[in-house]
Amino acid sequence: MTIMYQPQGVCSKAFEIQVEDGTIQSVQIMGGCDGNLKGLSSLLRGMKVEEAVQRMEGIRCGVKPTSCPDQLAQALKTAL
C-alpha cells in the first residue's frame, strides 16, 4: 500500500510511505529538515506501523501543536 499524505502545520510538504503487511518499507519526505528527516525515514524502515504511530504521535516541534513525526503518525494511521 502506498500512502500519499500532505502534512499540515509543518515545514514538510508531502510524504510518500510504502507499507506492506503492516510493516513500513520506505518513507520519502519532501521538504523540511533534510538530514533529520532522512534519518527518521531510515529508522522507520522495517518498523511495524503500530509501533511507529505509538512512538511518534503527539511529538511537538517547539511551540507548534504538531511536528513532522506527529504528522507521519497521522499518515500511518490510515494504514491501520
N, C-alpha and C. Protein backbone atom coordinates (compact mmCIF):
# COMPACT_ATOMS: atom_id res chain seq x y z
N MET A 1 0.84 -1.17 0.00
CA MET A 1 0.00 0.00 0.00
C MET A 1 0.88 1.23 0.00
N THR A 2 0.52 2.20 -0.80
CA THR A 2 1.22 3.48 -0.85
C THR A 2 0.35 4.55 -0.19
N ILE A 3 0.91 5.25 0.77
CA ILE A 3 0.21 6.35 1.44
C ILE A 3 0.82 7.65 0.93
N MET A 4 0.00 8.47 0.31
CA MET A 4 0.40 9.82 -0.08
C MET A 4 -0.29 10.75 0.91
N TYR A 5 0.48 11.61 1.57
CA TYR A 5 -0.08 12.44 2.63
C TYR A 5 0.51 13.84 2.56
N GLN A 6 -0.36 14.83 2.69
CA GLN A 6 0.08 16.23 2.73
C GLN A 6 -0.02 16.70 4.17
N PRO A 7 1.12 16.85 4.85
CA PRO A 7 1.11 17.24 6.26
C PRO A 7 0.63 18.68 6.45
N GLN A 8 0.12 18.94 7.63
CA GLN A 8 -0.38 20.26 7.99
C GLN A 8 0.42 20.82 9.16
N GLY A 9 0.77 22.12 9.10
CA GLY A 9 1.40 22.80 10.23
C GLY A 9 2.88 22.53 10.41
N VAL A 10 3.54 21.96 9.38
CA VAL A 10 4.98 21.66 9.48
C VAL A 10 5.68 22.14 8.21
N CYS A 11 7.00 22.08 8.21
CA CYS A 11 7.79 22.52 7.05
C CYS A 11 7.71 21.55 5.88
N SER A 12 7.56 20.27 6.16
CA SER A 12 7.49 19.26 5.10
C SER A 12 6.24 19.49 4.25
N LYS A 13 6.37 19.18 2.96
CA LYS A 13 5.27 19.43 2.02
C LYS A 13 4.49 18.18 1.65
N ALA A 14 5.13 17.01 1.67
CA ALA A 14 4.44 15.78 1.28
C ALA A 14 5.21 14.56 1.79
N PHE A 15 4.45 13.50 2.07
CA PHE A 15 5.01 12.21 2.47
C PHE A 15 4.55 11.16 1.47
N GLU A 16 5.45 10.24 1.15
CA GLU A 16 5.07 9.04 0.41
C GLU A 16 5.61 7.86 1.20
N ILE A 17 4.70 7.02 1.68
CA ILE A 17 5.06 5.92 2.57
C ILE A 17 4.59 4.61 1.95
N GLN A 18 5.50 3.65 1.90
CA GLN A 18 5.17 2.31 1.41
C GLN A 18 5.03 1.39 2.62
N VAL A 19 3.86 0.72 2.71
CA VAL A 19 3.59 -0.21 3.80
C VAL A 19 3.18 -1.55 3.19
N GLU A 20 3.77 -2.62 3.72
CA GLU A 20 3.43 -3.97 3.25
C GLU A 20 3.24 -4.87 4.47
N ASP A 21 2.10 -5.50 4.57
CA ASP A 21 1.81 -6.42 5.67
C ASP A 21 2.05 -5.78 7.04
N GLY A 22 1.66 -4.51 7.19
CA GLY A 22 1.78 -3.82 8.46
C GLY A 22 3.17 -3.33 8.81
N THR A 23 4.11 -3.45 7.87
CA THR A 23 5.50 -3.02 8.10
C THR A 23 5.87 -1.92 7.12
N ILE A 24 6.53 -0.89 7.62
CA ILE A 24 6.96 0.24 6.78
C ILE A 24 8.13 -0.22 5.92
N GLN A 25 7.99 -0.08 4.61
CA GLN A 25 9.03 -0.47 3.67
C GLN A 25 9.92 0.72 3.30
N SER A 26 9.29 1.90 3.13
CA SER A 26 10.06 3.11 2.80
C SER A 26 9.25 4.34 3.15
N VAL A 27 9.98 5.43 3.40
CA VAL A 27 9.37 6.73 3.69
C VAL A 27 10.15 7.77 2.90
N GLN A 28 9.44 8.53 2.08
CA GLN A 28 10.05 9.66 1.37
C GLN A 28 9.34 10.92 1.85
N ILE A 29 10.14 11.91 2.22
CA ILE A 29 9.60 13.17 2.73
C ILE A 29 10.12 14.29 1.86
N MET A 30 9.22 15.08 1.33
CA MET A 30 9.58 16.22 0.51
C MET A 30 9.50 17.48 1.35
N GLY A 31 10.60 18.25 1.38
CA GLY A 31 10.66 19.46 2.17
C GLY A 31 11.07 19.15 3.60
N GLY A 32 11.19 20.18 4.40
CA GLY A 32 11.54 20.00 5.81
C GLY A 32 13.03 19.95 6.05
N CYS A 33 13.43 19.53 7.22
CA CYS A 33 14.84 19.46 7.64
C CYS A 33 15.46 18.19 7.06
N ASP A 34 16.19 18.34 5.98
CA ASP A 34 16.66 17.23 5.16
C ASP A 34 17.36 16.13 5.96
N GLY A 35 18.37 16.46 6.71
CA GLY A 35 19.14 15.45 7.43
C GLY A 35 18.32 14.72 8.48
N ASN A 36 17.57 15.47 9.27
CA ASN A 36 16.74 14.85 10.31
C ASN A 36 15.70 13.92 9.70
N LEU A 37 15.08 14.35 8.62
CA LEU A 37 14.02 13.54 8.03
C LEU A 37 14.57 12.33 7.28
N LYS A 38 15.77 12.44 6.72
CA LYS A 38 16.41 11.24 6.13
C LYS A 38 16.70 10.22 7.23
N GLY A 39 17.17 10.71 8.37
CA GLY A 39 17.44 9.82 9.50
C GLY A 39 16.17 9.16 10.00
N LEU A 40 15.11 9.94 10.13
CA LEU A 40 13.82 9.41 10.57
C LEU A 40 13.31 8.35 9.59
N SER A 41 13.43 8.64 8.31
CA SER A 41 13.00 7.68 7.28
C SER A 41 13.77 6.37 7.41
N SER A 42 15.07 6.46 7.64
CA SER A 42 15.89 5.28 7.78
C SER A 42 15.51 4.47 9.02
N LEU A 43 15.25 5.15 10.11
CA LEU A 43 14.87 4.46 11.35
C LEU A 43 13.51 3.78 11.23
N LEU A 44 12.61 4.34 10.47
CA LEU A 44 11.26 3.77 10.32
C LEU A 44 11.23 2.53 9.43
N ARG A 45 12.17 2.42 8.51
CA ARG A 45 12.19 1.29 7.58
C ARG A 45 12.27 -0.02 8.37
N GLY A 46 11.31 -0.92 8.11
CA GLY A 46 11.27 -2.21 8.79
C GLY A 46 10.46 -2.22 10.07
N MET A 47 10.00 -1.05 10.54
CA MET A 47 9.23 -0.95 11.77
C MET A 47 7.75 -1.23 11.50
N LYS A 48 7.09 -1.86 12.45
CA LYS A 48 5.65 -2.07 12.36
C LYS A 48 4.94 -0.72 12.46
N VAL A 49 3.86 -0.57 11.70
CA VAL A 49 3.09 0.68 11.67
C VAL A 49 2.62 1.05 13.06
N GLU A 50 2.08 0.09 13.81
CA GLU A 50 1.54 0.37 15.15
C GLU A 50 2.61 0.93 16.07
N GLU A 51 3.81 0.37 16.02
CA GLU A 51 4.89 0.85 16.87
C GLU A 51 5.31 2.26 16.49
N ALA A 52 5.41 2.52 15.18
CA ALA A 52 5.80 3.85 14.71
C ALA A 52 4.79 4.90 15.16
N VAL A 53 3.50 4.60 15.02
CA VAL A 53 2.46 5.54 15.46
C VAL A 53 2.58 5.80 16.95
N GLN A 54 2.74 4.73 17.72
CA GLN A 54 2.84 4.87 19.18
C GLN A 54 4.03 5.74 19.58
N ARG A 55 5.15 5.59 18.89
CA ARG A 55 6.37 6.33 19.25
C ARG A 55 6.32 7.80 18.83
N MET A 56 5.64 8.10 17.71
CA MET A 56 5.72 9.46 17.14
C MET A 56 4.51 10.33 17.41
N GLU A 57 3.34 9.74 17.63
CA GLU A 57 2.13 10.54 17.80
C GLU A 57 2.26 11.46 19.01
N GLY A 58 1.92 12.72 18.82
CA GLY A 58 1.93 13.69 19.91
C GLY A 58 3.22 14.47 20.07
N ILE A 59 4.25 14.13 19.31
CA ILE A 59 5.51 14.89 19.38
C ILE A 59 5.27 16.29 18.80
N ARG A 60 5.77 17.28 19.50
CA ARG A 60 5.60 18.67 19.07
C ARG A 60 6.92 19.25 18.60
N CYS A 61 6.85 20.26 17.75
CA CYS A 61 8.03 20.97 17.27
C CYS A 61 7.98 22.37 17.86
N GLY A 62 8.80 22.61 18.90
CA GLY A 62 8.78 23.92 19.56
C GLY A 62 7.40 24.22 20.11
N VAL A 63 6.87 25.38 19.74
CA VAL A 63 5.54 25.78 20.23
C VAL A 63 4.42 25.30 19.31
N LYS A 64 4.77 24.68 18.18
CA LYS A 64 3.75 24.18 17.27
C LYS A 64 3.01 23.00 17.92
N PRO A 65 1.74 22.84 17.62
CA PRO A 65 0.98 21.73 18.21
C PRO A 65 1.26 20.38 17.54
N THR A 66 2.11 20.36 16.53
CA THR A 66 2.44 19.14 15.80
C THR A 66 3.90 19.17 15.38
N SER A 67 4.33 18.15 14.67
CA SER A 67 5.71 18.06 14.17
C SER A 67 5.69 17.12 12.98
N CYS A 68 6.82 17.02 12.29
CA CYS A 68 6.90 16.05 11.18
C CYS A 68 6.68 14.62 11.68
N PRO A 69 7.29 14.20 12.81
CA PRO A 69 6.99 12.85 13.30
C PRO A 69 5.51 12.65 13.63
N ASP A 70 4.88 13.64 14.25
CA ASP A 70 3.45 13.54 14.56
C ASP A 70 2.63 13.44 13.28
N GLN A 71 2.99 14.21 12.27
CA GLN A 71 2.27 14.15 11.01
C GLN A 71 2.50 12.80 10.31
N LEU A 72 3.70 12.24 10.43
CA LEU A 72 3.94 10.90 9.90
C LEU A 72 3.05 9.88 10.61
N ALA A 73 2.89 10.03 11.92
CA ALA A 73 2.00 9.14 12.66
C ALA A 73 0.57 9.25 12.14
N GLN A 74 0.12 10.48 11.87
CA GLN A 74 -1.23 10.67 11.34
C GLN A 74 -1.38 9.98 9.98
N ALA A 75 -0.35 10.11 9.14
CA ALA A 75 -0.39 9.46 7.83
C ALA A 75 -0.42 7.94 7.99
N LEU A 76 0.40 7.41 8.88
CA LEU A 76 0.46 5.96 9.09
C LEU A 76 -0.82 5.38 9.66
N LYS A 77 -1.56 6.18 10.41
CA LYS A 77 -2.83 5.70 10.97
C LYS A 77 -3.81 5.29 9.88
N THR A 78 -3.64 5.83 8.67
CA THR A 78 -4.53 5.45 7.58
C THR A 78 -4.27 4.01 7.14
N ALA A 79 -3.13 3.44 7.52
CA ALA A 79 -2.80 2.06 7.15
C ALA A 79 -3.30 1.05 8.19
N LEU A 80 -3.78 1.53 9.33
CA LEU A 80 -4.23 0.62 10.39
C LEU A 80 -5.64 0.09 10.13
